[in-house]
Amino acid sequence: TTTNPRGFLIALASNFSGEYLTLAVSNSGHLKVTFDFGFERHEKIYGRRTFHEGQTHDVQLWRSDGGRKLTMKVDNYEPVSWTFDVKGSADAQFNNIQYMYVGKNETMREGFVGCISRVSFDDIYPLKFYFQQDRPKEITAASSSQMLEDYCGIEAIRHPEEETEVRPDPPIDEEILMEMYNDNAAVLGGVLAIIFFALLIMGFLIGRYMARHKGDYRTHEADGADMAPDADWAVQNSMTGHQVKRNTEMYI
């Protein structure tokens, strides 16, 4: 990420063989890759767009076909490839690399202005190693005060957690399942029938018990004595009630 129309991104070099590779933002704002892998010097421009508008870009660069093909992929655009005429006897391997530079080398007065993150060369991650607490002594910075750890607005890659292997459920035979269901239904029906008959018998016994102790009775109240002046008169002159023997006179 940068707003500067030019800047040094990354370089790999070997003093033994004189081979090198440099990736930078050119004066026109395009990406420029310059390299010499032992057969001749080449300079290629990725001119599909400019890269100094302050947006974040992802750049990948790799070689294939025995060093005859160089491919660059930027963001989600289609990769761009260049093919070179390399003789079979030529040594096109980029080996014996001694130095890797990010953002600046020792011959520059000014380096890259912007943000560079997630730099990797094969299995080497220089920026990650640099910001470790105990970084290797081979990794140094020209001006450590101007370097800050940043992801350039991109979240760190988080790999999904491995799912715990769970034993699969055993296969279920539908016929056996139906037989078990029918057996359970028959047992449940029998239990409910027994409970129902027990409730009926209990209700019958309770009703019979209450009927035996209820009974009925008759009263012998003094009918016809509503207007009696006192109780004795009512008893003696009533048509019903207590059978009080009245005095009678016998004539001979």
Protein backbone atom coordinates (compact mmCIF):
# COMPACT_ATOMS: atom_id res chain seq x y z
CA THR A 1 0.00 0.00 0.00
CA THR A 2 1.46 3.34 -1.06
CA THR A 3 0.68 6.76 -2.49
CA ASN A 4 4.19 7.23 -3.84
CA PRO A 5 4.53 6.69 -7.64
CA ARG A 6 7.79 4.83 -7.10
CA GLY A 7 9.26 2.61 -4.46
CA PHE A 8 11.48 -0.38 -3.81
CA LEU A 9 9.49 -3.43 -2.67
CA ILE A 10 11.69 -6.50 -2.47
CA ALA A 11 15.01 -7.79 -3.82
CA LEU A 12 17.00 -11.02 -3.69
CA ALA A 13 20.70 -11.07 -4.56
CA SER A 14 23.80 -13.25 -4.59
CA ASN A 15 27.35 -11.89 -4.65
CA PHE A 16 28.66 -15.32 -5.58
CA SER A 17 26.83 -15.67 -8.89
CA GLY A 18 25.77 -12.06 -9.49
CA GLU A 19 22.14 -13.17 -9.87
CA TYR A 20 19.37 -11.00 -8.53
CA LEU A 21 15.65 -10.23 -8.67
CA THR A 22 14.03 -6.87 -7.86
CA LEU A 23 10.35 -5.97 -7.58
CA ALA A 24 9.50 -2.27 -7.39
CA VAL A 25 6.93 0.40 -8.24
CA SER A 26 8.19 2.26 -11.32
CA ASN A 27 8.09 6.02 -11.89
CA SER A 28 4.82 5.58 -13.79
CA GLY A 29 3.18 3.81 -10.83
CA HIS A 30 3.26 0.35 -12.44
CA LEU A 31 4.94 -2.77 -11.09
CA LYS A 32 8.39 -3.53 -12.49
CA VAL A 33 10.33 -6.75 -12.07
CA THR A 34 14.02 -6.81 -13.00
CA PHE A 35 16.13 -9.95 -12.83
CA ASP A 36 19.18 -11.79 -14.06
CA PHE A 37 19.24 -15.51 -13.39
CA GLY A 38 22.50 -16.18 -15.17
CA PHE A 39 21.43 -16.22 -18.81
CA GLU A 40 20.69 -12.50 -19.41
CA ARG A 41 19.13 -9.43 -17.77
CA HIS A 42 15.39 -8.83 -18.19
CA GLU A 43 13.00 -6.09 -17.16
CA LYS A 44 9.23 -6.55 -17.32
CA ILE A 45 6.42 -4.10 -16.57
CA TYR A 46 2.99 -5.03 -15.25
CA GLY A 47 1.01 -2.28 -16.94
CA ARG A 48 -2.59 -3.31 -16.33
CA ARG A 49 -3.02 -0.67 -13.63
CA THR A 50 -1.15 1.71 -11.34
CA PHE A 51 -0.37 0.95 -7.70
CA HIS A 52 0.11 4.32 -5.99
CA GLU A 53 -3.52 5.19 -5.24
CA GLY A 54 -3.39 4.13 -1.57
CA GLN A 55 -5.20 0.84 -1.98
CA THR A 56 -4.01 -2.52 -0.72
CA HIS A 57 -2.74 -4.99 -3.34
CA ASP A 58 -1.57 -8.58 -3.18
CA VAL A 59 1.31 -9.53 -5.50
CA GLN A 60 2.56 -13.06 -6.19
CA LEU A 61 5.55 -13.92 -8.38
CA TRP A 62 6.77 -17.39 -9.34
CA ARG A 63 8.83 -19.25 -11.92
CA SER A 64 8.04 -22.51 -13.71
CA ASP A 65 9.00 -24.69 -16.66
CA GLY A 66 12.61 -24.98 -15.61
CA GLY A 67 13.02 -21.22 -15.24
CA ARG A 68 11.73 -20.46 -18.74
CA LYS A 69 8.46 -18.93 -17.51
CA LEU A 70 7.91 -16.09 -15.07
CA THR A 71 4.35 -15.40 -13.83
CA MET A 72 2.94 -12.47 -11.86
CA LYS A 73 -0.50 -12.38 -10.29
CA VAL A 74 -1.97 -9.20 -8.80
CA ASP A 75 -5.11 -9.23 -6.66
CA ASN A 76 -7.90 -11.11 -8.46
CA TYR A 77 -6.72 -10.27 -11.97
CA GLU A 78 -5.69 -12.97 -14.41
CA PRO A 79 -1.99 -13.87 -14.08
CA VAL A 80 0.48 -12.44 -16.58
CA SER A 81 3.31 -14.69 -17.80
CA TRP A 82 6.54 -14.09 -19.71
CA THR A 83 8.45 -16.86 -21.46
CA PHE A 84 12.20 -16.77 -22.11
CA ASP A 85 14.51 -18.68 -24.40
CA VAL A 86 16.69 -20.63 -22.04
CA LYS A 87 19.07 -23.17 -23.53
CA GLY A 88 19.07 -26.62 -22.10
CA SER A 89 22.67 -26.32 -20.95
CA ALA A 90 22.10 -22.97 -19.19
CA ASP A 91 21.88 -22.82 -15.42
CA ALA A 92 18.58 -21.03 -14.82
CA GLN A 93 18.31 -21.89 -11.15
CA PHE A 94 18.17 -18.95 -8.76
CA ASN A 95 20.28 -20.41 -5.96
CA ASN A 96 23.08 -19.32 -3.63
CA ILE A 97 20.95 -16.36 -2.50
CA GLN A 98 22.76 -14.35 0.17
CA TYR A 99 20.61 -11.30 0.76
CA MET A 100 16.95 -10.44 0.86
CA TYR A 101 15.92 -6.80 1.03
CA VAL A 102 12.47 -5.42 1.86
CA GLY A 103 11.68 -1.75 1.27
CA LYS A 104 15.30 -0.62 0.93
CA ASN A 105 18.86 -1.78 0.42
CA GLU A 106 22.17 -0.39 1.71
CA THR A 107 22.83 1.68 -1.42
CA MET A 108 19.61 3.72 -1.17
CA ARG A 109 19.18 7.00 0.67
CA GLU A 110 15.41 6.75 0.70
CA GLY A 111 13.37 3.60 0.87
CA PHE A 112 9.79 2.58 0.32
CA VAL A 113 7.14 4.84 1.87
CA GLY A 114 3.97 2.92 2.66
CA CYS A 115 3.05 -0.45 4.13
CA ILE A 116 4.41 -3.89 3.22
CA SER A 117 3.11 -7.02 4.94
CA ARG A 118 3.00 -10.81 4.59
CA VAL A 119 6.30 -10.99 2.69
CA SER A 120 7.41 -14.55 1.99
CA PHE A 121 10.03 -16.19 -0.17
CA ASP A 122 9.37 -19.94 -0.30
CA ASP A 123 9.25 -20.77 3.43
CA ILE A 124 11.10 -17.62 4.60
CA TYR A 125 9.07 -14.85 6.28
CA PRO A 126 11.49 -11.97 6.98
CA LEU A 127 9.04 -9.48 8.49
CA LYS A 128 7.54 -12.11 10.75
CA PHE A 129 11.01 -13.09 11.95
CA TYR A 130 12.04 -9.45 12.45
CA PHE A 131 9.16 -8.67 14.83
CA GLN A 132 9.74 -11.75 16.94
CA GLN A 133 10.96 -11.16 20.48
CA ASP A 134 14.12 -13.18 19.87
CA ARG A 135 14.66 -12.59 16.17
CA PRO A 136 17.57 -14.19 14.33
CA LYS A 137 20.72 -12.07 14.30
CA GLU A 138 20.88 -12.28 10.49
CA ILE A 139 17.73 -10.11 10.22
CA THR A 140 18.41 -6.38 10.65
CA ALA A 141 16.75 -3.07 9.81
CA ALA A 142 18.40 0.02 8.32
CA SER A 143 16.19 2.31 10.40
CA SER A 144 14.24 0.46 13.06
CA SER A 145 12.60 3.65 14.33
CA GLN A 146 10.69 3.98 11.05
CA MET A 147 9.42 0.39 11.07
CA LEU A 148 6.16 -0.48 12.78
CA GLU A 149 4.34 -3.80 12.80
CA ASP A 150 1.18 -3.52 10.74
CA TYR A 151 -1.09 -5.74 8.63
CA CYS A 152 -1.74 -2.93 6.12
CA GLY A 153 -5.47 -3.04 6.80
CA ILE A 154 -5.67 -6.79 6.16
CA GLU A 155 -6.73 -9.14 8.91
CA ALA A 156 -4.30 -11.85 9.82
CA ILE A 157 -5.03 -15.20 8.22
CA ARG A 158 -6.82 -17.54 10.60
CA HIS A 159 -6.96 -21.17 9.63
CA PRO A 160 -10.19 -22.95 10.58
CA GLU A 161 -9.99 -25.19 13.61
CA GLU A 162 -9.80 -28.89 12.95
CA GLU A 163 -13.09 -30.60 13.58
CA THR A 164 -13.05 -33.25 16.28
CA GLU A 165 -13.71 -36.65 14.82
CA VAL A 166 -16.98 -38.05 16.15
CA ARG A 167 -17.98 -41.68 15.96
CA PRO A 168 -20.91 -41.95 13.52
CA ASP A 169 -24.21 -43.28 14.78
CA PRO A 170 -24.83 -46.96 14.01
CA PRO A 171 -27.24 -47.68 11.18
CA ILE A 172 -30.87 -48.15 12.27
CA ASP A 173 -32.99 -50.98 10.89
CA GLU A 174 -36.45 -49.51 10.25
CA GLU A 175 -38.16 -52.91 10.62
CA ILE A 176 -36.63 -53.46 14.06
CA LEU A 177 -37.53 -49.89 15.00
CA MET A 178 -41.16 -50.47 14.00
CA GLU A 179 -41.32 -53.73 15.95
CA MET A 180 -39.97 -51.98 19.05
CA TYR A 181 -42.53 -49.20 18.58
CA ASN A 182 -45.41 -51.71 18.27
CA ASP A 183 -44.27 -53.62 21.36
CA ASN A 184 -44.02 -50.42 23.38
CA ALA A 185 -47.45 -49.30 22.17
CA ALA A 186 -49.01 -52.66 23.21
CA VAL A 187 -47.44 -52.48 26.68
CA LEU A 188 -48.58 -48.88 27.14
CA GLY A 189 -52.14 -49.76 26.02
CA GLY A 190 -52.30 -52.63 28.51
CA VAL A 191 -51.11 -50.46 31.39
CA LEU A 192 -53.65 -47.75 30.56
CA ALA A 193 -56.48 -50.34 30.37
CA ILE A 194 -55.58 -51.72 33.82
CA ILE A 195 -55.53 -48.22 35.29
CA PHE A 196 -58.92 -47.44 33.72
CA PHE A 197 -60.59 -50.60 35.13
CA ALA A 198 -59.03 -49.98 38.54
CA LEU A 199 -60.53 -46.48 38.54
CA LEU A 200 -63.96 -47.90 37.63
CA ILE A 201 -63.88 -50.46 40.46
CA MET A 202 -62.72 -47.84 42.93
CA GLY A 203 -65.56 -45.50 41.90
CA PHE A 204 -68.12 -48.29 42.29
CA LEU A 205 -66.91 -49.21 45.79
CA ILE A 206 -66.89 -45.58 46.94
CA GLY A 207 -70.45 -45.07 45.65
CA ARG A 208 -71.71 -48.17 47.40
CA TYR A 209 -70.11 -47.19 50.69
CA MET A 210 -71.70 -43.76 50.61
CA ALA A 211 -75.16 -45.22 49.75
CA ARG A 212 -75.10 -47.60 52.77
CA HIS A 213 -74.50 -44.81 55.26
CA LYS A 214 -76.88 -42.29 53.78
CA GLY A 215 -80.38 -43.92 54.54
CA ASP A 216 -83.77 -42.16 54.80
CA TYR A 217 -86.14 -41.43 57.70
CA ARG A 218 -89.68 -40.33 58.47
CA THR A 219 -90.83 -37.61 60.83
CA HIS A 220 -94.00 -37.58 62.86
CA GLU A 221 -94.61 -33.92 63.25
CA ALA A 222 -97.89 -32.77 64.73
CA ASP A 223 -100.14 -32.05 61.77
CA GLY A 224 -103.18 -29.92 62.46
CA ALA A 225 -101.65 -28.18 65.47
CA ASP A 226 -100.34 -25.10 63.77
CA MET A 227 -102.67 -22.82 65.74
CA ALA A 228 -102.17 -24.52 69.14
CA PRO A 229 -101.70 -22.13 72.08
CA ASP A 230 -99.10 -24.35 73.71
CA ALA A 231 -97.15 -27.56 73.16
CA ASP A 232 -99.36 -29.77 75.33
CA TRP A 233 -102.46 -28.74 73.50
CA ALA A 234 -100.74 -29.38 70.15
CA VAL A 235 -99.70 -32.90 71.12
CA GLN A 236 -103.10 -33.81 72.52
CA ASN A 237 -105.10 -32.41 69.66
CA SER A 238 -102.86 -33.21 66.63
CA MET A 239 -103.82 -35.68 64.00
CA THR A 240 -100.29 -37.11 63.84
CA GLY A 241 -97.22 -37.00 66.02
CA HIS A 242 -96.55 -38.72 69.28
CA GLN A 243 -99.28 -41.22 70.13
CA VAL A 244 -100.45 -39.73 73.39
CA LYS A 245 -103.23 -41.70 74.97
CA ARG A 246 -106.29 -39.51 75.41
CA ASN A 247 -108.65 -39.78 78.29
CA THR A 248 -111.90 -41.41 77.26
CA GLU A 249 -115.16 -41.88 79.02
CA MET A 250 -116.94 -45.19 78.98
CA TYR A 251 -120.77 -45.33 79.32
CA ILE A 252 -122.42 -48.53 80.45
